[in-house]
Amino acid sequence: MTAYVEECRREWKRLGVPELLAEEMASELESDLAEAEADGVSAAEMLGESDPRRFATTWAVERGLIAEPVPKKRRKRFWVGLAFAFVVMFFFVMLLVGGLFATATVSLPSVKAPRPETTAVVLPNFSGLNVCQAVRKAIRLGYSVHIPGHQHGYSCHAVIRAESESVKGSHRSVTLWLRPARR
């Protein structure tokens, strides 16, 4: 049965059990096997049909010399999950790249549109501001302000819902629409 003990020694060394403790466990195992044989119990009866590597690992874990090994199922799940994530990411990238190339290859005939009298320019965003803030900002930027339906005044607490801009020559104007009042 010394082959069994030697296999346990190799496993303890592989697991990183300190050499002195591994020797102590090996001598304890040899003495237990010798005692069992002296009492008429065979080593196979005492150990069962046990795998020496599994026996050595279990004994080292029970003594607190090593951490309990991670079950192979968890490792397998990890790799399966990782592979699934890569496949999903691959398809997402392919859809994204395919969409980019599809839009890049579309060509439209160039048509010169007549130049409109009023041209649109980039307008600062007034949405969400209260009316007084929006009007002050527009005037500071050189716009004339028009608020439909409010020729004679408005409440500063009203909030801007949308805006549009028009430019005629050097005159720039902005139209601000208010959100309906909440009741």
N, C-alpha and C. Protein backbone atom coordinates (compact mmCIF):
# COMPACT_ATOMS: atom_id res chain seq x y z
N MET A 1 0.82 -1.20 0.00
CA MET A 1 0.00 0.00 0.00
C MET A 1 0.87 1.27 0.00
N THR A 2 2.20 1.11 -0.09
CA THR A 2 3.07 2.28 -0.12
C THR A 2 2.86 3.09 -1.39
N ALA A 3 2.41 2.48 -2.47
CA ALA A 3 2.14 3.22 -3.70
C ALA A 3 1.00 4.22 -3.45
N TYR A 4 0.02 3.80 -2.65
CA TYR A 4 -1.09 4.68 -2.32
C TYR A 4 -0.59 5.88 -1.53
N VAL A 5 0.26 5.66 -0.56
CA VAL A 5 0.81 6.74 0.28
C VAL A 5 1.69 7.66 -0.58
N GLU A 6 2.49 7.08 -1.47
CA GLU A 6 3.34 7.90 -2.35
C GLU A 6 2.50 8.79 -3.26
N GLU A 7 1.40 8.25 -3.77
CA GLU A 7 0.50 9.04 -4.61
C GLU A 7 -0.10 10.20 -3.80
N CYS A 8 -0.44 9.95 -2.54
CA CYS A 8 -0.95 11.01 -1.66
C CYS A 8 0.12 12.08 -1.43
N ARG A 9 1.37 11.65 -1.20
CA ARG A 9 2.48 12.61 -1.02
C ARG A 9 2.62 13.53 -2.23
N ARG A 10 2.59 12.92 -3.42
CA ARG A 10 2.71 13.74 -4.65
C ARG A 10 1.56 14.74 -4.76
N GLU A 11 0.36 14.32 -4.40
CA GLU A 11 -0.80 15.22 -4.47
C GLU A 11 -0.67 16.36 -3.46
N TRP A 12 -0.21 16.05 -2.25
CA TRP A 12 -0.03 17.11 -1.25
C TRP A 12 1.03 18.11 -1.70
N LYS A 13 2.06 17.61 -2.35
CA LYS A 13 3.11 18.52 -2.86
C LYS A 13 2.52 19.40 -3.97
N ARG A 14 1.74 18.79 -4.85
CA ARG A 14 1.12 19.54 -5.94
C ARG A 14 0.16 20.60 -5.39
N LEU A 15 -0.55 20.30 -4.32
CA LEU A 15 -1.51 21.24 -3.72
C LEU A 15 -0.83 22.33 -2.90
N GLY A 16 0.46 22.15 -2.61
CA GLY A 16 1.19 23.18 -1.86
C GLY A 16 1.12 22.99 -0.36
N VAL A 17 0.85 21.79 0.09
CA VAL A 17 0.87 21.51 1.53
C VAL A 17 2.33 21.56 1.98
N PRO A 18 2.64 22.27 3.08
CA PRO A 18 4.03 22.33 3.56
C PRO A 18 4.61 20.92 3.74
N GLU A 19 5.88 20.79 3.40
CA GLU A 19 6.53 19.48 3.36
C GLU A 19 6.47 18.74 4.69
N LEU A 20 6.70 19.44 5.81
CA LEU A 20 6.67 18.78 7.13
C LEU A 20 5.28 18.24 7.43
N LEU A 21 4.26 19.01 7.12
CA LEU A 21 2.89 18.54 7.37
C LEU A 21 2.53 17.38 6.45
N ALA A 22 3.01 17.42 5.21
CA ALA A 22 2.74 16.33 4.28
C ALA A 22 3.40 15.05 4.78
N GLU A 23 4.62 15.15 5.28
CA GLU A 23 5.30 13.96 5.81
C GLU A 23 4.58 13.41 7.04
N GLU A 24 4.12 14.33 7.90
CA GLU A 24 3.39 13.92 9.09
C GLU A 24 2.11 13.17 8.71
N MET A 25 1.39 13.70 7.72
CA MET A 25 0.15 13.04 7.28
C MET A 25 0.46 11.70 6.63
N ALA A 26 1.56 11.63 5.84
CA ALA A 26 1.92 10.38 5.19
C ALA A 26 2.27 9.31 6.22
N SER A 27 3.04 9.69 7.25
CA SER A 27 3.40 8.69 8.27
C SER A 27 2.17 8.27 9.07
N GLU A 28 1.24 9.20 9.32
CA GLU A 28 0.00 8.87 10.01
C GLU A 28 -0.83 7.90 9.17
N LEU A 29 -0.89 8.15 7.86
CA LEU A 29 -1.64 7.27 6.96
C LEU A 29 -1.00 5.88 6.94
N GLU A 30 0.34 5.83 6.86
CA GLU A 30 1.02 4.52 6.85
C GLU A 30 0.76 3.76 8.14
N SER A 31 0.80 4.47 9.28
CA SER A 31 0.57 3.78 10.56
C SER A 31 -0.89 3.30 10.67
N ASP A 32 -1.84 4.12 10.17
CA ASP A 32 -3.25 3.70 10.19
C ASP A 32 -3.46 2.46 9.33
N LEU A 33 -2.80 2.45 8.16
CA LEU A 33 -2.93 1.28 7.27
C LEU A 33 -2.29 0.05 7.91
N ALA A 34 -1.13 0.23 8.57
CA ALA A 34 -0.46 -0.90 9.23
C ALA A 34 -1.31 -1.42 10.38
N GLU A 35 -1.91 -0.52 11.17
CA GLU A 35 -2.79 -0.93 12.28
C GLU A 35 -3.98 -1.72 11.78
N ALA A 36 -4.58 -1.19 10.70
CA ALA A 36 -5.75 -1.87 10.14
C ALA A 36 -5.38 -3.26 9.65
N GLU A 37 -4.19 -3.38 9.04
CA GLU A 37 -3.75 -4.69 8.55
C GLU A 37 -3.50 -5.64 9.71
N ALA A 38 -2.93 -5.10 10.82
CA ALA A 38 -2.68 -5.93 12.01
C ALA A 38 -3.98 -6.41 12.63
N ASP A 39 -5.03 -5.61 12.52
CA ASP A 39 -6.33 -5.99 13.07
C ASP A 39 -7.12 -6.88 12.12
N GLY A 40 -6.53 -7.19 10.98
CA GLY A 40 -7.18 -8.07 10.03
C GLY A 40 -8.09 -7.35 9.04
N VAL A 41 -8.02 -6.01 9.00
CA VAL A 41 -8.81 -5.24 8.06
C VAL A 41 -7.91 -4.88 6.89
N SER A 42 -8.35 -5.20 5.71
CA SER A 42 -7.51 -4.89 4.54
C SER A 42 -7.54 -3.38 4.26
N ALA A 43 -6.50 -2.91 3.59
CA ALA A 43 -6.40 -1.48 3.24
C ALA A 43 -7.55 -1.09 2.32
N ALA A 44 -7.94 -1.98 1.43
CA ALA A 44 -9.04 -1.70 0.51
C ALA A 44 -10.34 -1.52 1.27
N GLU A 45 -10.52 -2.33 2.35
CA GLU A 45 -11.73 -2.17 3.17
C GLU A 45 -11.71 -0.84 3.90
N MET A 46 -10.55 -0.47 4.41
CA MET A 46 -10.43 0.76 5.19
C MET A 46 -10.62 1.99 4.31
N LEU A 47 -9.99 2.01 3.15
CA LEU A 47 -10.04 3.18 2.27
C LEU A 47 -11.17 3.10 1.26
N GLY A 48 -11.67 1.93 1.04
CA GLY A 48 -12.67 1.75 0.00
C GLY A 48 -11.95 1.77 -1.34
N GLU A 49 -12.66 1.95 -2.37
CA GLU A 49 -12.06 2.05 -3.71
C GLU A 49 -11.75 3.53 -3.97
N SER A 50 -11.03 4.13 -3.06
CA SER A 50 -10.78 5.56 -3.10
C SER A 50 -9.63 5.92 -4.03
N ASP A 51 -9.78 7.03 -4.69
CA ASP A 51 -8.74 7.59 -5.52
C ASP A 51 -7.75 8.29 -4.59
N PRO A 52 -6.45 8.00 -4.66
CA PRO A 52 -5.49 8.60 -3.73
C PRO A 52 -5.44 10.13 -3.84
N ARG A 53 -5.59 10.66 -5.04
CA ARG A 53 -5.55 12.12 -5.21
C ARG A 53 -6.74 12.78 -4.51
N ARG A 54 -7.93 12.19 -4.70
CA ARG A 54 -9.12 12.74 -4.06
C ARG A 54 -9.03 12.60 -2.55
N PHE A 55 -8.53 11.45 -2.07
CA PHE A 55 -8.36 11.22 -0.64
C PHE A 55 -7.40 12.25 -0.03
N ALA A 56 -6.27 12.50 -0.71
CA ALA A 56 -5.27 13.44 -0.21
C ALA A 56 -5.84 14.86 -0.18
N THR A 57 -6.57 15.23 -1.21
CA THR A 57 -7.16 16.57 -1.27
C THR A 57 -8.18 16.75 -0.15
N THR A 58 -9.05 15.76 0.04
CA THR A 58 -10.07 15.85 1.08
C THR A 58 -9.43 15.97 2.46
N TRP A 59 -8.41 15.20 2.69
CA TRP A 59 -7.74 15.22 4.00
C TRP A 59 -7.07 16.58 4.24
N ALA A 60 -6.43 17.14 3.23
CA ALA A 60 -5.78 18.44 3.37
C ALA A 60 -6.81 19.55 3.60
N VAL A 61 -7.96 19.46 2.95
CA VAL A 61 -9.03 20.45 3.15
C VAL A 61 -9.58 20.34 4.56
N GLU A 62 -9.82 19.11 5.04
CA GLU A 62 -10.37 18.89 6.38
C GLU A 62 -9.43 19.41 7.46
N ARG A 63 -8.15 19.35 7.24
CA ARG A 63 -7.18 19.86 8.21
C ARG A 63 -6.95 21.37 8.07
N GLY A 64 -7.56 21.99 7.07
CA GLY A 64 -7.43 23.42 6.88
C GLY A 64 -6.11 23.84 6.26
N LEU A 65 -5.45 22.93 5.58
CA LEU A 65 -4.15 23.23 4.98
C LEU A 65 -4.28 23.87 3.60
N ILE A 66 -5.39 23.62 2.94
CA ILE A 66 -5.65 24.23 1.63
C ILE A 66 -7.12 24.64 1.58
N ALA A 67 -7.42 25.52 0.66
CA ALA A 67 -8.81 25.93 0.45
C ALA A 67 -9.52 24.83 -0.34
N GLU A 68 -10.82 24.78 -0.17
CA GLU A 68 -11.58 23.77 -0.89
C GLU A 68 -11.53 24.08 -2.38
N PRO A 69 -11.18 23.09 -3.20
CA PRO A 69 -11.08 23.36 -4.64
C PRO A 69 -12.44 23.72 -5.24
N VAL A 70 -12.39 24.55 -6.28
CA VAL A 70 -13.61 24.97 -6.98
C VAL A 70 -14.13 23.78 -7.78
N PRO A 71 -15.41 23.46 -7.63
CA PRO A 71 -15.95 22.35 -8.42
C PRO A 71 -15.84 22.63 -9.92
N LYS A 72 -15.62 21.59 -10.67
CA LYS A 72 -15.43 21.74 -12.11
C LYS A 72 -16.66 22.32 -12.79
N LYS A 73 -17.86 22.08 -12.25
CA LYS A 73 -19.07 22.61 -12.86
C LYS A 73 -19.02 24.14 -12.91
N ARG A 74 -18.55 24.75 -11.82
CA ARG A 74 -18.48 26.21 -11.80
C ARG A 74 -17.52 26.72 -12.86
N ARG A 75 -16.38 26.05 -12.98
CA ARG A 75 -15.41 26.47 -13.99
C ARG A 75 -16.02 26.34 -15.38
N LYS A 76 -16.73 25.23 -15.59
CA LYS A 76 -17.34 25.00 -16.90
C LYS A 76 -18.38 26.07 -17.19
N ARG A 77 -19.21 26.40 -16.17
CA ARG A 77 -20.21 27.44 -16.36
C ARG A 77 -19.55 28.77 -16.70
N PHE A 78 -18.44 29.07 -16.04
CA PHE A 78 -17.72 30.32 -16.30
C PHE A 78 -17.30 30.39 -17.76
N TRP A 79 -16.70 29.32 -18.26
CA TRP A 79 -16.21 29.34 -19.64
C TRP A 79 -17.36 29.37 -20.65
N VAL A 80 -18.44 28.66 -20.32
CA VAL A 80 -19.61 28.69 -21.20
C VAL A 80 -20.19 30.10 -21.23
N GLY A 81 -20.30 30.73 -20.06
CA GLY A 81 -20.80 32.10 -19.98
C GLY A 81 -19.92 33.08 -20.72
N LEU A 82 -18.60 32.90 -20.58
CA LEU A 82 -17.66 33.78 -21.27
C LEU A 82 -17.77 33.61 -22.79
N ALA A 83 -17.88 32.37 -23.24
CA ALA A 83 -18.03 32.11 -24.68
C ALA A 83 -19.33 32.72 -25.20
N PHE A 84 -20.40 32.59 -24.43
CA PHE A 84 -21.68 33.17 -24.83
C PHE A 84 -21.57 34.69 -24.94
N ALA A 85 -20.90 35.31 -23.97
CA ALA A 85 -20.73 36.77 -24.00
C ALA A 85 -19.95 37.20 -25.25
N PHE A 86 -18.91 36.45 -25.60
CA PHE A 86 -18.14 36.79 -26.79
C PHE A 86 -18.97 36.64 -28.07
N VAL A 87 -19.80 35.61 -28.13
CA VAL A 87 -20.65 35.41 -29.31
C VAL A 87 -21.64 36.57 -29.44
N VAL A 88 -22.26 36.95 -28.33
CA VAL A 88 -23.22 38.06 -28.36
C VAL A 88 -22.50 39.34 -28.77
N MET A 89 -21.32 39.57 -28.20
CA MET A 89 -20.56 40.77 -28.53
C MET A 89 -20.16 40.76 -30.01
N PHE A 90 -19.78 39.59 -30.53
CA PHE A 90 -19.40 39.46 -31.93
C PHE A 90 -20.56 39.85 -32.85
N PHE A 91 -21.76 39.31 -32.56
CA PHE A 91 -22.92 39.65 -33.39
C PHE A 91 -23.29 41.12 -33.28
N PHE A 92 -23.17 41.68 -32.08
CA PHE A 92 -23.45 43.11 -31.91
C PHE A 92 -22.48 43.95 -32.74
N VAL A 93 -21.21 43.61 -32.71
CA VAL A 93 -20.21 44.35 -33.49
C VAL A 93 -20.49 44.17 -34.98
N MET A 94 -20.85 42.97 -35.40
CA MET A 94 -21.15 42.74 -36.81
C MET A 94 -22.35 43.57 -37.26
N LEU A 95 -23.38 43.64 -36.42
CA LEU A 95 -24.54 44.47 -36.76
C LEU A 95 -24.14 45.93 -36.85
N LEU A 96 -23.34 46.37 -35.91
CA LEU A 96 -22.90 47.76 -35.90
C LEU A 96 -22.05 48.07 -37.12
N VAL A 97 -21.07 47.22 -37.40
CA VAL A 97 -20.19 47.43 -38.55
C VAL A 97 -20.98 47.30 -39.84
N GLY A 98 -21.86 46.33 -39.92
CA GLY A 98 -22.69 46.16 -41.10
C GLY A 98 -23.56 47.37 -41.34
N GLY A 99 -24.12 47.93 -40.28
CA GLY A 99 -24.93 49.13 -40.41
C GLY A 99 -24.10 50.31 -40.88
N LEU A 100 -22.87 50.41 -40.39
CA LEU A 100 -22.01 51.52 -40.81
C LEU A 100 -21.67 51.41 -42.29
N PHE A 101 -21.31 50.19 -42.71
CA PHE A 101 -20.94 50.03 -44.12
C PHE A 101 -22.15 50.20 -45.03
N ALA A 102 -23.31 49.76 -44.55
CA ALA A 102 -24.52 49.90 -45.37
C ALA A 102 -24.84 51.37 -45.59
N THR A 103 -24.69 52.19 -44.56
CA THR A 103 -24.98 53.61 -44.72
C THR A 103 -23.87 54.30 -45.50
N ALA A 104 -22.65 53.77 -45.42
CA ALA A 104 -21.54 54.41 -46.11
C ALA A 104 -21.59 54.15 -47.61
N THR A 105 -22.20 53.04 -48.04
CA THR A 105 -22.20 52.71 -49.46
C THR A 105 -23.39 53.29 -50.21
N VAL A 106 -24.35 53.85 -49.50
CA VAL A 106 -25.51 54.44 -50.17
C VAL A 106 -25.09 55.78 -50.77
N SER A 107 -25.38 55.95 -52.05
CA SER A 107 -25.07 57.24 -52.67
C SER A 107 -26.34 57.83 -53.24
N LEU A 108 -26.51 59.11 -53.04
CA LEU A 108 -27.68 59.81 -53.53
C LEU A 108 -27.26 60.78 -54.62
N PRO A 109 -28.10 60.98 -55.60
CA PRO A 109 -27.73 61.95 -56.63
C PRO A 109 -27.71 63.34 -56.03
N SER A 110 -26.74 64.13 -56.46
CA SER A 110 -26.66 65.48 -55.92
C SER A 110 -27.59 66.40 -56.72
N VAL A 111 -28.40 67.09 -55.99
CA VAL A 111 -29.35 68.02 -56.60
C VAL A 111 -29.15 69.36 -55.91
N LYS A 112 -28.99 70.40 -56.70
CA LYS A 112 -28.85 71.72 -56.12
C LYS A 112 -30.24 72.27 -55.86
N ALA A 113 -30.51 72.51 -54.59
CA ALA A 113 -31.80 73.07 -54.21
C ALA A 113 -31.71 74.59 -54.33
N PRO A 114 -32.83 75.20 -54.68
CA PRO A 114 -32.80 76.67 -54.72
C PRO A 114 -32.55 77.21 -53.33
N ARG A 115 -31.85 78.29 -53.26
CA ARG A 115 -31.52 78.88 -51.97
C ARG A 115 -32.73 79.61 -51.41
N PRO A 116 -33.18 79.20 -50.25
CA PRO A 116 -34.35 79.86 -49.69
C PRO A 116 -33.99 81.26 -49.17
N GLU A 117 -35.02 82.10 -49.09
CA GLU A 117 -34.80 83.45 -48.61
C GLU A 117 -34.44 83.43 -47.12
N THR A 118 -35.04 82.50 -46.38
CA THR A 118 -34.77 82.36 -44.96
C THR A 118 -33.90 81.13 -44.78
N THR A 119 -32.76 81.29 -44.11
CA THR A 119 -31.88 80.15 -43.88
C THR A 119 -31.87 79.81 -42.40
N ALA A 120 -31.78 78.55 -42.11
CA ALA A 120 -31.73 78.11 -40.72
C ALA A 120 -30.28 78.03 -40.28
N VAL A 121 -30.04 78.41 -39.05
CA VAL A 121 -28.70 78.32 -38.46
C VAL A 121 -28.83 77.56 -37.14
N VAL A 122 -27.70 77.22 -36.58
CA VAL A 122 -27.72 76.47 -35.32
C VAL A 122 -28.20 77.39 -34.21
N LEU A 123 -29.22 76.97 -33.54
CA LEU A 123 -29.86 77.77 -32.51
C LEU A 123 -29.47 77.22 -31.14
N PRO A 124 -29.18 78.09 -30.18
CA PRO A 124 -28.94 77.59 -28.83
C PRO A 124 -30.20 76.90 -28.32
N ASN A 125 -30.05 75.96 -27.44
CA ASN A 125 -31.18 75.20 -26.92
C ASN A 125 -31.83 75.98 -25.78
N PHE A 126 -33.07 76.40 -25.98
CA PHE A 126 -33.81 77.11 -24.96
C PHE A 126 -34.80 76.19 -24.25
N SER A 127 -35.02 74.97 -24.75
CA SER A 127 -36.01 74.06 -24.18
C SER A 127 -35.70 73.78 -22.72
N GLY A 128 -36.72 73.85 -21.90
CA GLY A 128 -36.58 73.55 -20.48
C GLY A 128 -36.28 74.78 -19.64
N LEU A 129 -35.87 75.88 -20.24
CA LEU A 129 -35.61 77.10 -19.48
C LEU A 129 -36.93 77.79 -19.19
N ASN A 130 -36.95 78.61 -18.12
CA ASN A 130 -38.16 79.41 -17.93
C ASN A 130 -38.10 80.57 -18.92
N VAL A 131 -39.22 81.21 -19.16
CA VAL A 131 -39.34 82.20 -20.22
C VAL A 131 -38.35 83.35 -20.03
N CYS A 132 -38.25 83.86 -18.80
CA CYS A 132 -37.37 85.02 -18.56
C CYS A 132 -35.92 84.68 -18.87
N GLN A 133 -35.46 83.51 -18.46
CA GLN A 133 -34.08 83.10 -18.76
C GLN A 133 -33.87 82.99 -20.27
N ALA A 134 -34.82 82.39 -20.97
CA ALA A 134 -34.70 82.19 -22.41
C ALA A 134 -34.67 83.52 -23.15
N VAL A 135 -35.53 84.45 -22.74
CA VAL A 135 -35.58 85.76 -23.42
C VAL A 135 -34.27 86.51 -23.20
N ARG A 136 -33.77 86.52 -21.96
CA ARG A 136 -32.49 87.21 -21.68
C ARG A 136 -31.36 86.61 -22.50
N LYS A 137 -31.32 85.28 -22.58
CA LYS A 137 -30.26 84.60 -23.34
C LYS A 137 -30.36 84.93 -24.83
N ALA A 138 -31.57 84.94 -25.36
CA ALA A 138 -31.76 85.22 -26.79
C ALA A 138 -31.36 86.65 -27.11
N ILE A 139 -31.74 87.60 -26.28
CA ILE A 139 -31.39 89.01 -26.51
C ILE A 139 -29.89 89.21 -26.43
N ARG A 140 -29.25 88.58 -25.45
CA ARG A 140 -27.79 88.66 -25.32
C ARG A 140 -27.09 88.15 -26.58
N LEU A 141 -27.66 87.15 -27.25
CA LEU A 141 -27.08 86.58 -28.46
C LEU A 141 -27.48 87.35 -29.72
N GLY A 142 -28.26 88.41 -29.58
CA GLY A 142 -28.62 89.26 -30.71
C GLY A 142 -29.88 88.87 -31.45
N TYR A 143 -30.76 88.13 -30.83
CA TYR A 143 -32.01 87.72 -31.46
C TYR A 143 -33.14 88.66 -31.03
N SER A 144 -34.12 88.82 -31.92
CA SER A 144 -35.38 89.42 -31.49
C SER A 144 -36.29 88.24 -31.15
N VAL A 145 -37.12 88.38 -30.11
CA VAL A 145 -37.88 87.26 -29.56
C VAL A 145 -39.37 87.44 -29.85
N HIS A 146 -40.01 86.34 -30.25
CA HIS A 146 -41.45 86.32 -30.47
C HIS A 146 -42.01 85.11 -29.72
N ILE A 147 -43.06 85.34 -28.91
CA ILE A 147 -43.71 84.25 -28.18
C ILE A 147 -45.16 84.24 -28.63
N PRO A 148 -45.57 83.27 -29.49
CA PRO A 148 -46.92 83.24 -30.02
C PRO A 148 -47.98 83.18 -28.91
N GLY A 149 -49.01 84.02 -29.04
CA GLY A 149 -50.10 84.02 -28.08
C GLY A 149 -49.82 84.85 -26.84
N HIS A 150 -48.66 85.49 -26.75
CA HIS A 150 -48.31 86.26 -25.56
C HIS A 150 -47.75 87.62 -25.97
N GLN A 151 -48.52 88.40 -26.68
CA GLN A 151 -48.06 89.69 -27.16
C GLN A 151 -47.98 90.71 -26.02
N HIS A 152 -48.80 90.55 -25.00
CA HIS A 152 -48.87 91.57 -23.94
C HIS A 152 -48.25 91.10 -22.63
N GLY A 153 -47.44 90.06 -22.64
CA GLY A 153 -46.77 89.62 -21.42
C GLY A 153 -46.90 88.12 -21.20
N TYR A 154 -46.12 87.63 -20.27
CA TYR A 154 -46.09 86.21 -19.94
C TYR A 154 -45.56 86.06 -18.53
N SER A 155 -45.78 84.91 -17.96
CA SER A 155 -45.29 84.61 -16.61
C SER A 155 -43.87 84.04 -16.71
N CYS A 156 -42.97 84.52 -15.86
CA CYS A 156 -41.59 84.01 -15.87
C CYS A 156 -41.52 82.53 -15.50
N HIS A 157 -42.57 82.02 -14.86
CA HIS A 157 -42.55 80.61 -14.45
C HIS A 157 -42.89 79.67 -15.59
N ALA A 158 -43.38 80.18 -16.69
CA ALA A 158 -43.68 79.33 -17.85
C ALA A 158 -42.38 78.75 -18.39
N VAL A 159 -42.44 77.55 -18.95
CA VAL A 159 -41.25 76.84 -19.42
C VAL A 159 -41.29 76.70 -20.94
N ILE A 160 -40.14 76.84 -21.58
CA ILE A 160 -40.04 76.74 -23.03
C ILE A 160 -40.17 75.28 -23.44
N ARG A 161 -41.07 75.02 -24.39
CA ARG A 161 -41.29 73.68 -24.92
C ARG A 161 -40.47 73.47 -26.18
N ALA A 162 -40.40 74.47 -27.07
CA ALA A 162 -39.68 74.34 -28.34
C ALA A 162 -39.28 75.73 -28.81
N GLU A 163 -38.36 75.77 -29.78
CA GLU A 163 -37.93 77.03 -30.35
C GLU A 163 -37.61 76.84 -31.82
N SER A 164 -37.68 77.96 -32.59
CA SER A 164 -37.24 77.93 -33.98
C SER A 164 -36.63 79.29 -34.28
N GLU A 165 -35.77 79.28 -35.26
CA GLU A 165 -35.02 80.49 -35.58
C GLU A 165 -35.21 80.83 -37.05
N SER A 166 -35.18 82.11 -37.36
CA SER A 166 -35.19 82.52 -38.76
C SER A 166 -34.24 83.69 -38.92
N VAL A 167 -33.60 83.74 -40.08
CA VAL A 167 -32.65 84.80 -40.38
C VAL A 167 -33.06 85.40 -41.72
N LYS A 168 -33.28 86.68 -41.75
CA LYS A 168 -33.59 87.39 -42.99
C LYS A 168 -32.57 88.52 -43.09
N GLY A 169 -31.62 88.32 -43.98
CA GLY A 169 -30.55 89.31 -44.10
C GLY A 169 -29.72 89.31 -42.82
N SER A 170 -29.63 90.47 -42.17
CA SER A 170 -28.87 90.54 -40.92
C SER A 170 -29.79 90.44 -39.71
N HIS A 171 -31.09 90.31 -39.93
CA HIS A 171 -32.05 90.24 -38.82
C HIS A 171 -32.24 88.78 -38.40
N ARG A 172 -31.96 88.51 -37.11
CA ARG A 172 -32.14 87.15 -36.57
C ARG A 172 -33.27 87.20 -35.55
N SER A 173 -34.19 86.26 -35.69
CA SER A 173 -35.29 86.22 -34.71
C SER A 173 -35.50 84.78 -34.26
N VAL A 174 -36.05 84.66 -33.06
CA VAL A 174 -36.32 83.34 -32.50
C VAL A 174 -37.77 83.33 -32.03
N THR A 175 -38.46 82.22 -32.29
CA THR A 175 -39.83 82.04 -31.81
C THR A 175 -39.79 80.98 -30.72
N LEU A 176 -40.37 81.29 -29.56
CA LEU A 176 -40.37 80.38 -28.41
C LEU A 176 -41.79 79.93 -28.12
N TRP A 177 -42.03 78.62 -28.02
CA TRP A 177 -43.34 78.09 -27.68
C TRP A 177 -43.30 77.62 -26.24
N LEU A 178 -44.36 77.93 -25.51
CA LEU A 178 -44.42 77.60 -24.08
C LEU A 178 -45.17 76.31 -23.86
N ARG A 179 -44.85 75.64 -22.78
CA ARG A 179 -45.62 74.48 -22.35
C ARG A 179 -46.95 74.96 -21.81
N PRO A 180 -48.02 74.20 -22.01
CA PRO A 180 -49.30 74.60 -21.43
C PRO A 180 -49.18 74.63 -19.91
N ALA A 181 -49.88 75.56 -19.29
CA ALA A 181 -49.83 75.70 -17.81
C ALA A 181 -50.43 74.48 -17.17
N ARG A 182 -49.82 74.03 -16.08
CA ARG A 182 -50.36 72.89 -15.33
C ARG A 182 -51.40 73.39 -14.35
N ARG A 183 -52.40 72.59 -14.18
CA ARG A 183 -53.48 73.00 -13.25
C ARG A 183 -53.50 72.12 -12.06
